[in-house]
Amino acid sequence: MASPAFTLEVVTPERVVFTGQATTAVVPAEEGYLGILAHHAPLIATLTPGRITFRSPEGTMTTLQNEGAGFLEVRDNRVTVLADRVAA
């Protein structure tokens, strides 16, 4: 059985880095790395530099590098990463 998915958006001031469906995401936050699954409780967190990883519904893992500060919002089965700089 496939894992439920959520909408993930990774955005910088210059561009939309990624928008699509994901089944898991792990992001670097001030409290440590946060793991997110579908239907996660609402959350706002401050991000730190580090790896952002996520898995597509097809099973493909993607890793991005957060190179600055940022914010994470989880709400209504949607995860938004707002970051200063992100590299593939």
PDB file of N, CA and C in Angstrom:
ATOM      1  N   MET A   1       0.842  -1.179   0.000  1.00  0.00           N
ATOM      2  CA  MET A   1       0.000   0.000   0.000  1.00  0.00           C
ATOM      3  C   MET A   1       0.889   1.244   0.000  1.00  0.00           C
ATOM      4  N   ALA A   2       0.550   2.207  -0.832  1.00  0.00           N
ATOM      5  CA  ALA A   2       1.339   3.430  -0.946  1.00  0.00           C
ATOM      6  C   ALA A   2       1.142   4.322   0.274  1.00  0.00           C
ATOM      7  N   SER A   3       2.206   4.992   0.650  1.00  0.00           N
ATOM      8  CA  SER A   3       2.124   5.943   1.763  1.00  0.00           C
ATOM      9  C   SER A   3       1.339   7.170   1.323  1.00  0.00           C
ATOM     10  N   PRO A   4       0.546   7.755   2.227  1.00  0.00           N
ATOM     11  CA  PRO A   4      -0.172   8.977   1.852  1.00  0.00           C
ATOM     12  C   PRO A   4       0.812  10.118   1.596  1.00  0.00           C
ATOM     13  N   ALA A   5       0.432  11.008   0.694  1.00  0.00           N
ATOM     14  CA  ALA A   5       1.316  12.101   0.289  1.00  0.00           C
ATOM     15  C   ALA A   5       0.784  13.443   0.781  1.00  0.00           C
ATOM     16  N   PHE A   6       1.666  14.423   0.739  1.00  0.00           N
ATOM     17  CA  PHE A   6       1.312  15.805   1.042  1.00  0.00           C
ATOM     18  C   PHE A   6       1.959  16.692  -0.009  1.00  0.00           C
ATOM     19  N   THR A   7       1.517  17.924  -0.101  1.00  0.00           N
ATOM     20  CA  THR A   7       2.100  18.883  -1.034  1.00  0.00           C
ATOM     21  C   THR A   7       3.300  19.543  -0.369  1.00  0.00           C
ATOM     22  N   LEU A   8       4.421  19.545  -1.089  1.00  0.00           N
ATOM     23  CA  LEU A   8       5.654  20.158  -0.591  1.00  0.00           C
ATOM     24  C   LEU A   8       6.062  21.272  -1.534  1.00  0.00           C
ATOM     25  N   GLU A   9       6.405  22.409  -0.958  1.00  0.00           N
ATOM     26  CA  GLU A   9       6.897  23.536  -1.726  1.00  0.00           C
ATOM     27  C   GLU A   9       8.165  24.053  -1.061  1.00  0.00           C
ATOM     28  N   VAL A  10       9.243  24.188  -1.839  1.00  0.00           N
ATOM     29  CA  VAL A  10      10.507  24.753  -1.356  1.00  0.00           C
ATOM     30  C   VAL A  10      10.743  26.026  -2.168  1.00  0.00           C
ATOM     31  N   VAL A  11      10.794  27.170  -1.466  1.00  0.00           N
ATOM     32  CA  VAL A  11      10.822  28.466  -2.132  1.00  0.00           C
ATOM     33  C   VAL A  11      11.950  29.326  -1.565  1.00  0.00           C
ATOM     34  N   THR A  12      12.651  30.045  -2.456  1.00  0.00           N
ATOM     35  CA  THR A  12      13.620  31.067  -2.053  1.00  0.00           C
ATOM     36  C   THR A  12      13.106  32.411  -2.570  1.00  0.00           C
ATOM     37  N   PRO A  13      13.729  33.519  -2.191  1.00  0.00           N
ATOM     38  CA  PRO A  13      13.279  34.812  -2.730  1.00  0.00           C
ATOM     39  C   PRO A  13      13.397  34.897  -4.255  1.00  0.00           C
ATOM     40  N   GLU A  14      14.304  34.117  -4.844  1.00  0.00           N
ATOM     41  CA  GLU A  14      14.528  34.190  -6.286  1.00  0.00           C
ATOM     42  C   GLU A  14      13.675  33.230  -7.106  1.00  0.00           C
ATOM     43  N   ARG A  15      13.280  32.083  -6.512  1.00  0.00           N
ATOM     44  CA  ARG A  15      12.609  31.072  -7.345  1.00  0.00           C
ATOM     45  C   ARG A  15      11.897  30.028  -6.504  1.00  0.00           C
ATOM     46  N   VAL A  16      11.040  29.283  -7.183  1.00  0.00           N
ATOM     47  CA  VAL A  16      10.433  28.093  -6.591  1.00  0.00           C
ATOM     48  C   VAL A  16      11.371  26.940  -6.922  1.00  0.00           C
ATOM     49  N   VAL A  17      11.985  26.353  -5.913  1.00  0.00           N
ATOM     50  CA  VAL A  17      12.964  25.285  -6.107  1.00  0.00           C
ATOM     51  C   VAL A  17      12.258  23.966  -6.398  1.00  0.00           C
ATOM     52  N   PHE A  18      11.180  23.690  -5.670  1.00  0.00           N
ATOM     53  CA  PHE A  18      10.426  22.450  -5.867  1.00  0.00           C
ATOM     54  C   PHE A  18       8.985  22.676  -5.462  1.00  0.00           C
ATOM     55  N   THR A  19       8.088  22.096  -6.220  1.00  0.00           N
ATOM     56  CA  THR A  19       6.692  22.012  -5.823  1.00  0.00           C
ATOM     57  C   THR A  19       6.151  20.691  -6.354  1.00  0.00           C
ATOM     58  N   GLY A  20       5.525  19.930  -5.484  1.00  0.00           N
ATOM     59  CA  GLY A  20       5.011  18.624  -5.878  1.00  0.00           C
ATOM     60  C   GLY A  20       4.577  17.822  -4.669  1.00  0.00           C
ATOM     61  N   GLN A  21       4.376  16.528  -4.886  1.00  0.00           N
ATOM     62  CA  GLN A  21       3.922  15.625  -3.836  1.00  0.00           C
ATOM     63  C   GLN A  21       5.117  14.917  -3.194  1.00  0.00           C
ATOM     64  N   ALA A  22       5.014  14.672  -1.903  1.00  0.00           N
ATOM     65  CA  ALA A  22       6.037  13.933  -1.159  1.00  0.00           C
ATOM     66  C   ALA A  22       5.342  13.055  -0.128  1.00  0.00           C
ATOM     67  N   THR A  23       6.001  11.967   0.244  1.00  0.00           N
ATOM     68  CA  THR A  23       5.463  11.090   1.296  1.00  0.00           C
ATOM     69  C   THR A  23       6.202  11.278   2.612  1.00  0.00           C
ATOM     70  N   THR A  24       7.441  11.758   2.552  1.00  0.00           N
ATOM     71  CA  THR A  24       8.217  12.084   3.751  1.00  0.00           C
ATOM     72  C   THR A  24       9.085  13.301   3.450  1.00  0.00           C
ATOM     73  N   ALA A  25       9.408  14.043   4.484  1.00  0.00           N
ATOM     74  CA  ALA A  25      10.358  15.149   4.363  1.00  0.00           C
ATOM     75  C   ALA A  25      11.107  15.259   5.682  1.00  0.00           C
ATOM     76  N   VAL A  26      12.387  15.584   5.585  1.00  0.00           N
ATOM     77  CA  VAL A  26      13.219  15.819   6.769  1.00  0.00           C
ATOM     78  C   VAL A  26      13.923  17.152   6.538  1.00  0.00           C
ATOM     79  N   VAL A  27      13.770  18.064   7.508  1.00  0.00           N
ATOM     80  CA  VAL A  27      14.312  19.412   7.357  1.00  0.00           C
ATOM     81  C   VAL A  27      15.133  19.800   8.588  1.00  0.00           C
ATOM     82  N   PRO A  28      16.179  20.639   8.395  1.00  0.00           N
ATOM     83  CA  PRO A  28      17.008  21.061   9.528  1.00  0.00           C
ATOM     84  C   PRO A  28      16.372  22.239  10.265  1.00  0.00           C
ATOM     85  N   ALA A  29      16.037  22.045  11.517  1.00  0.00           N
ATOM     86  CA  ALA A  29      15.425  23.106  12.321  1.00  0.00           C
ATOM     87  C   ALA A  29      16.311  23.414  13.523  1.00  0.00           C
ATOM     88  N   GLU A  30      16.021  24.491  14.201  1.00  0.00           N
ATOM     89  CA  GLU A  30      16.820  24.877  15.367  1.00  0.00           C
ATOM     90  C   GLU A  30      16.815  23.803  16.443  1.00  0.00           C
ATOM     91  N   GLU A  31      15.732  23.060  16.557  1.00  0.00           N
ATOM     92  CA  GLU A  31      15.612  22.018  17.580  1.00  0.00           C
ATOM     93  C   GLU A  31      16.224  20.691  17.134  1.00  0.00           C
ATOM     94  N   GLY A  32      16.740  20.639  15.906  1.00  0.00           N
ATOM     95  CA  GLY A  32      17.244  19.401  15.322  1.00  0.00           C
ATOM     96  C   GLY A  32      16.475  19.105  14.050  1.00  0.00           C
ATOM     97  N   TYR A  33      16.775  17.983  13.433  1.00  0.00           N
ATOM     98  CA  TYR A  33      16.076  17.627  12.198  1.00  0.00           C
ATOM     99  C   TYR A  33      14.647  17.212  12.514  1.00  0.00           C
ATOM    100  N   LEU A  34      13.695  17.707  11.713  1.00  0.00           N
ATOM    101  CA  LEU A  34      12.281  17.381  11.879  1.00  0.00           C
ATOM    102  C   LEU A  34      11.840  16.450  10.759  1.00  0.00           C
ATOM    103  N   GLY A  35      11.169  15.375  11.110  1.00  0.00           N
ATOM    104  CA  GLY A  35      10.586  14.463  10.133  1.00  0.00           C
ATOM    105  C   GLY A  35       9.106  14.762   9.979  1.00  0.00           C
ATOM    106  N   ILE A  36       8.650  14.814   8.732  1.00  0.00           N
ATOM    107  CA  ILE A  36       7.257  15.166   8.460  1.00  0.00           C
ATOM    108  C   ILE A  36       6.639  14.105   7.564  1.00  0.00           C
ATOM    109  N   LEU A  37       5.445  13.670   7.941  1.00  0.00           N
ATOM    110  CA  LEU A  37       4.646  12.737   7.150  1.00  0.00           C
ATOM    111  C   LEU A  37       3.322  13.417   6.815  1.00  0.00           C
ATOM    112  N   ALA A  38       2.524  12.776   5.978  1.00  0.00           N
ATOM    113  CA  ALA A  38       1.211  13.312   5.620  1.00  0.00           C
ATOM    114  C   ALA A  38       0.366  13.497   6.876  1.00  0.00           C
ATOM    115  N   HIS A  39      -0.471  14.507   6.856  1.00  0.00           N
ATOM    116  CA  HIS A  39      -1.412  14.829   7.938  1.00  0.00           C
ATOM    117  C   HIS A  39      -0.704  15.181   9.248  1.00  0.00           C
ATOM    118  N   HIS A  40       0.502  15.737   9.145  1.00  0.00           N
ATOM    119  CA  HIS A  40       1.246  16.187  10.322  1.00  0.00           C
ATOM    120  C   HIS A  40       0.468  17.304  11.010  1.00  0.00           C
ATOM    121  N   ALA A  41       0.618  17.414  12.297  1.00  0.00           N
ATOM    122  CA  ALA A  41      -0.012  18.499  13.055  1.00  0.00           C
ATOM    123  C   ALA A  41       0.526  19.846  12.568  1.00  0.00           C
ATOM    124  N   PRO A  42      -0.276  20.901  12.646  1.00  0.00           N
ATOM    125  CA  PRO A  42       0.207  22.225  12.243  1.00  0.00           C
ATOM    126  C   PRO A  42       1.473  22.605  13.013  1.00  0.00           C
ATOM    127  N   LEU A  43       2.400  23.256  12.297  1.00  0.00           N
ATOM    128  CA  LEU A  43       3.706  23.550  12.878  1.00  0.00           C
ATOM    129  C   LEU A  43       4.340  24.719  12.143  1.00  0.00           C
ATOM    130  N   ILE A  44       5.029  25.573  12.875  1.00  0.00           N
ATOM    131  CA  ILE A  44       5.902  26.594  12.297  1.00  0.00           C
ATOM    132  C   ILE A  44       7.242  26.449  12.999  1.00  0.00           C
ATOM    133  N   ALA A  45       8.326  26.397  12.218  1.00  0.00           N
ATOM    134  CA  ALA A  45       9.657  26.209  12.796  1.00  0.00           C
ATOM    135  C   ALA A  45      10.666  27.090  12.066  1.00  0.00           C
ATOM    136  N   THR A  46      11.728  27.447  12.767  1.00  0.00           N
ATOM    137  CA  THR A  46      12.845  28.177  12.182  1.00  0.00           C
ATOM    138  C   THR A  46      13.843  27.164  11.644  1.00  0.00           C
ATOM    139  N   LEU A  47      14.277  27.363  10.398  1.00  0.00           N
ATOM    140  CA  LEU A  47      15.228  26.440   9.777  1.00  0.00           C
ATOM    141  C   LEU A  47      16.658  26.935   9.933  1.00  0.00           C
ATOM    142  N   THR A  48      17.580  25.981   9.899  1.00  0.00           N
ATOM    143  CA  THR A  48      19.008  26.254   9.953  1.00  0.00           C
ATOM    144  C   THR A  48      19.652  25.650   8.711  1.00  0.00           C
ATOM    145  N   PRO A  49      20.905  25.986   8.413  1.00  0.00           N
ATOM    146  CA  PRO A  49      21.577  25.348   7.288  1.00  0.00           C
ATOM    147  C   PRO A  49      21.652  23.829   7.488  1.00  0.00           C
ATOM    148  N   GLY A  50      21.507  23.093   6.405  1.00  0.00           N
ATOM    149  CA  GLY A  50      21.563  21.635   6.459  1.00  0.00           C
ATOM    150  C   GLY A  50      20.808  21.025   5.290  1.00  0.00           C
ATOM    151  N   ARG A  51      20.722  19.700   5.292  1.00  0.00           N
ATOM    152  CA  ARG A  51      20.077  18.982   4.188  1.00  0.00           C
ATOM    153  C   ARG A  51      18.565  18.917   4.354  1.00  0.00           C
ATOM    154  N   ILE A  52      17.870  19.172   3.264  1.00  0.00           N
ATOM    155  CA  ILE A  52      16.430  18.954   3.164  1.00  0.00           C
ATOM    156  C   ILE A  52      16.268  17.718   2.287  1.00  0.00           C
ATOM    157  N   THR A  53      15.665  16.670   2.820  1.00  0.00           N
ATOM    158  CA  THR A  53      15.455  15.460   2.021  1.00  0.00           C
ATOM    159  C   THR A  53      13.972  15.136   1.986  1.00  0.00           C
ATOM    160  N   PHE A  54      13.538  14.598   0.846  1.00  0.00           N
ATOM    161  CA  PHE A  54      12.146  14.178   0.734  1.00  0.00           C
ATOM    162  C   PHE A  54      12.029  13.046  -0.273  1.00  0.00           C
ATOM    163  N   ARG A  55      10.953  12.267  -0.108  1.00  0.00           N
ATOM    164  CA  ARG A  55      10.690  11.110  -0.969  1.00  0.00           C
ATOM    165  C   ARG A  55       9.401  11.365  -1.736  1.00  0.00           C
ATOM    166  N   SER A  56       9.445  11.117  -3.040  1.00  0.00           N
ATOM    167  CA  SER A  56       8.252  11.256  -3.879  1.00  0.00           C
ATOM    168  C   SER A  56       7.352  10.036  -3.689  1.00  0.00           C
ATOM    169  N   PRO A  57       6.085  10.113  -4.099  1.00  0.00           N
ATOM    170  CA  PRO A  57       5.206   8.942  -4.018  1.00  0.00           C
ATOM    171  C   PRO A  57       5.739   7.752  -4.823  1.00  0.00           C
ATOM    172  N   GLU A  58       6.568   8.011  -5.838  1.00  0.00           N
ATOM    173  CA  GLU A  58       7.169   6.940  -6.639  1.00  0.00           C
ATOM    174  C   GLU A  58       8.384   6.319  -5.956  1.00  0.00           C
ATOM    175  N   GLY A  59       8.835   6.913  -4.858  1.00  0.00           N
ATOM    176  CA  GLY A  59       9.961   6.366  -4.106  1.00  0.00           C
ATOM    177  C   GLY A  59      11.293   7.048  -4.347  1.00  0.00           C
ATOM    178  N   THR A  60      11.332   8.060  -5.197  1.00  0.00           N
ATOM    179  CA  THR A  60      12.574   8.763  -5.491  1.00  0.00           C
ATOM    180  C   THR A  60      12.947   9.701  -4.343  1.00  0.00           C
ATOM    181  N   MET A  61      14.180   9.576  -3.854  1.00  0.00           N
ATOM    182  CA  MET A  61      14.682  10.462  -2.795  1.00  0.00           C
ATOM    183  C   MET A  61      15.374  11.664  -3.439  1.00  0.00           C
ATOM    184  N   THR A  62      15.110  12.840  -2.910  1.00  0.00           N
ATOM    185  CA  THR A  62      15.745  14.071  -3.377  1.00  0.00           C
ATOM    186  C   THR A  62      16.381  14.758  -2.177  1.00  0.00           C
ATOM    187  N   THR A  63      17.587  15.276  -2.375  1.00  0.00           N
ATOM    188  CA  THR A  63      18.276  16.018  -1.321  1.00  0.00           C
ATOM    189  C   THR A  63      18.621  17.405  -1.838  1.00  0.00           C
ATOM    190  N   LEU A  64      18.269  18.410  -1.063  1.00  0.00           N
ATOM    191  CA  LEU A  64      18.624  19.793  -1.339  1.00  0.00           C
ATOM    192  C   LEU A  64      19.436  20.304  -0.158  1.00  0.00           C
ATOM    193  N   GLN A  65      20.261  21.300  -0.398  1.00  0.00           N
ATOM    194  CA  GLN A  65      21.067  21.876   0.677  1.00  0.00           C
ATOM    195  C   GLN A  65      20.528  23.253   1.025  1.00  0.00           C
ATOM    196  N   ASN A  66      20.043  23.401   2.251  1.00  0.00           N
ATOM    197  CA  ASN A  66      19.631  24.710   2.741  1.00  0.00           C
ATOM    198  C   ASN A  66      20.898  25.431   3.191  1.00  0.00           C
ATOM    199  N   GLU A  67      21.233  26.527   2.526  1.00  0.00           N
ATOM    200  CA  GLU A  67      22.495  27.219   2.795  1.00  0.00           C
ATOM    201  C   GLU A  67      22.333  28.464   3.657  1.00  0.00           C
ATOM    202  N   GLY A  68      21.160  28.672   4.200  1.00  0.00           N
ATOM    203  CA  GLY A  68      20.939  29.852   5.031  1.00  0.00           C
ATOM    204  C   GLY A  68      19.810  29.607   6.007  1.00  0.00           C
ATOM    205  N   ALA A  69      19.255  30.684   6.494  1.00  0.00           N
ATOM    206  CA  ALA A  69      18.135  30.597   7.430  1.00  0.00           C
ATOM    207  C   ALA A  69      16.836  30.415   6.656  1.00  0.00           C
ATOM    208  N   GLY A  70      15.768  30.163   7.392  1.00  0.00           N
ATOM    209  CA  GLY A  70      14.474  30.035   6.748  1.00  0.00           C
ATOM    210  C   GLY A  70      13.396  29.648   7.734  1.00  0.00           C
ATOM    211  N   PHE A  71      12.227  29.376   7.185  1.00  0.00           N
ATOM    212  CA  PHE A  71      11.077  28.985   7.984  1.00  0.00           C
ATOM    213  C   PHE A  71      10.380  27.803   7.342  1.00  0.00           C
ATOM    214  N   LEU A  72       9.691  27.040   8.171  1.00  0.00           N
ATOM    215  CA  LEU A  72       8.900  25.894   7.731  1.00  0.00           C
ATOM    216  C   LEU A  72       7.487  26.091   8.253  1.00  0.00           C
ATOM    217  N   GLU A  73       6.504  25.862   7.383  1.00  0.00           N
ATOM    218  CA  GLU A  73       5.109  25.874   7.817  1.00  0.00           C
ATOM    219  C   GLU A  73       4.465  24.571   7.379  1.00  0.00           C
ATOM    220  N   VAL A  74       3.802  23.909   8.317  1.00  0.00           N
ATOM    221  CA  VAL A  74       3.038  22.697   8.033  1.00  0.00           C
ATOM    222  C   VAL A  74       1.595  23.006   8.393  1.00  0.00           C
ATOM    223  N   ARG A  75       0.704  22.865   7.400  1.00  0.00           N
ATOM    224  CA  ARG A  75      -0.710  23.168   7.638  1.00  0.00           C
ATOM    225  C   ARG A  75      -1.558  22.554   6.538  1.00  0.00           C
ATOM    226  N   ASP A  76      -2.643  21.917   6.920  1.00  0.00           N
ATOM    227  CA  ASP A  76      -3.615  21.364   5.969  1.00  0.00           C
ATOM    228  C   ASP A  76      -2.969  20.437   4.938  1.00  0.00           C
ATOM    229  N   ASN A  77      -2.099  19.537   5.399  1.00  0.00           N
ATOM    230  CA  ASN A  77      -1.421  18.561   4.538  1.00  0.00           C
ATOM    231  C   ASN A  77      -0.568  19.236   3.457  1.00  0.00           C
ATOM    232  N   ARG A  78      -0.041  20.406   3.792  1.00  0.00           N
ATOM    233  CA  ARG A  78       0.834  21.162   2.903  1.00  0.00           C
ATOM    234  C   ARG A  78       2.048  21.608   3.710  1.00  0.00           C
ATOM    235  N   VAL A  79       3.234  21.408   3.153  1.00  0.00           N
ATOM    236  CA  VAL A  79       4.486  21.796   3.808  1.00  0.00           C
ATOM    237  C   VAL A  79       5.159  22.847   2.931  1.00  0.00           C
ATOM    238  N   THR A  80       5.448  23.996   3.521  1.00  0.00           N
ATOM    239  CA  THR A  80       6.109  25.074   2.797  1.00  0.00           C
ATOM    240  C   THR A  80       7.434  25.384   3.478  1.00  0.00           C
ATOM    241  N   VAL A  81       8.509  25.319   2.700  1.00  0.00           N
ATOM    242  CA  VAL A  81       9.848  25.676   3.167  1.00  0.00           C
ATOM    243  C   VAL A  81      10.199  27.010   2.516  1.00  0.00           C
ATOM    244  N   LEU A  82      10.409  28.028   3.338  1.00  0.00           N
ATOM    245  CA  LEU A  82      10.839  29.347   2.867  1.00  0.00           C
ATOM    246  C   LEU A  82      12.289  29.513   3.299  1.00  0.00           C
ATOM    247  N   ALA A  83      13.206  29.529   2.341  1.00  0.00           N
ATOM    248  CA  ALA A  83      14.632  29.531   2.664  1.00  0.00           C
ATOM    249  C   ALA A  83      15.353  30.666   1.942  1.00  0.00           C
ATOM    250  N   ASP A  84      16.414  31.170   2.566  1.00  0.00           N
ATOM    251  CA  ASP A  84      17.225  32.216   1.938  1.00  0.00           C
ATOM    252  C   ASP A  84      17.907  31.707   0.676  1.00  0.00           C
ATOM    253  N   ARG A  85      18.583  30.555   0.788  1.00  0.00           N
ATOM    254  CA  ARG A  85      19.323  29.974  -0.338  1.00  0.00           C
ATOM    255  C   ARG A  85      19.227  28.457  -0.276  1.00  0.00           C
ATOM    256  N   VAL A  86      18.959  27.840  -1.425  1.00  0.00           N
ATOM    257  CA  VAL A  86      18.887  26.374  -1.516  1.00  0.00           C
ATOM    258  C   VAL A  86      19.646  25.932  -2.756  1.00  0.00           C
ATOM    259  N   ALA A  87      20.499  24.925  -2.602  1.00  0.00           N
ATOM    260  CA  ALA A  87      21.234  24.349  -3.727  1.00  0.00           C
ATOM    261  C   ALA A  87      20.813  22.898  -3.903  1.00  0.00           C
ATOM    262  N   ALA A  88      20.850  22.448  -5.157  1.00  0.00           N
ATOM    263  CA  ALA A  88      20.479  21.057  -5.452  1.00  0.00           C
ATOM    264  C   ALA A  88      21.594  20.111  -5.078  1.00  0.00           C
TER     265      ALA A  88
END
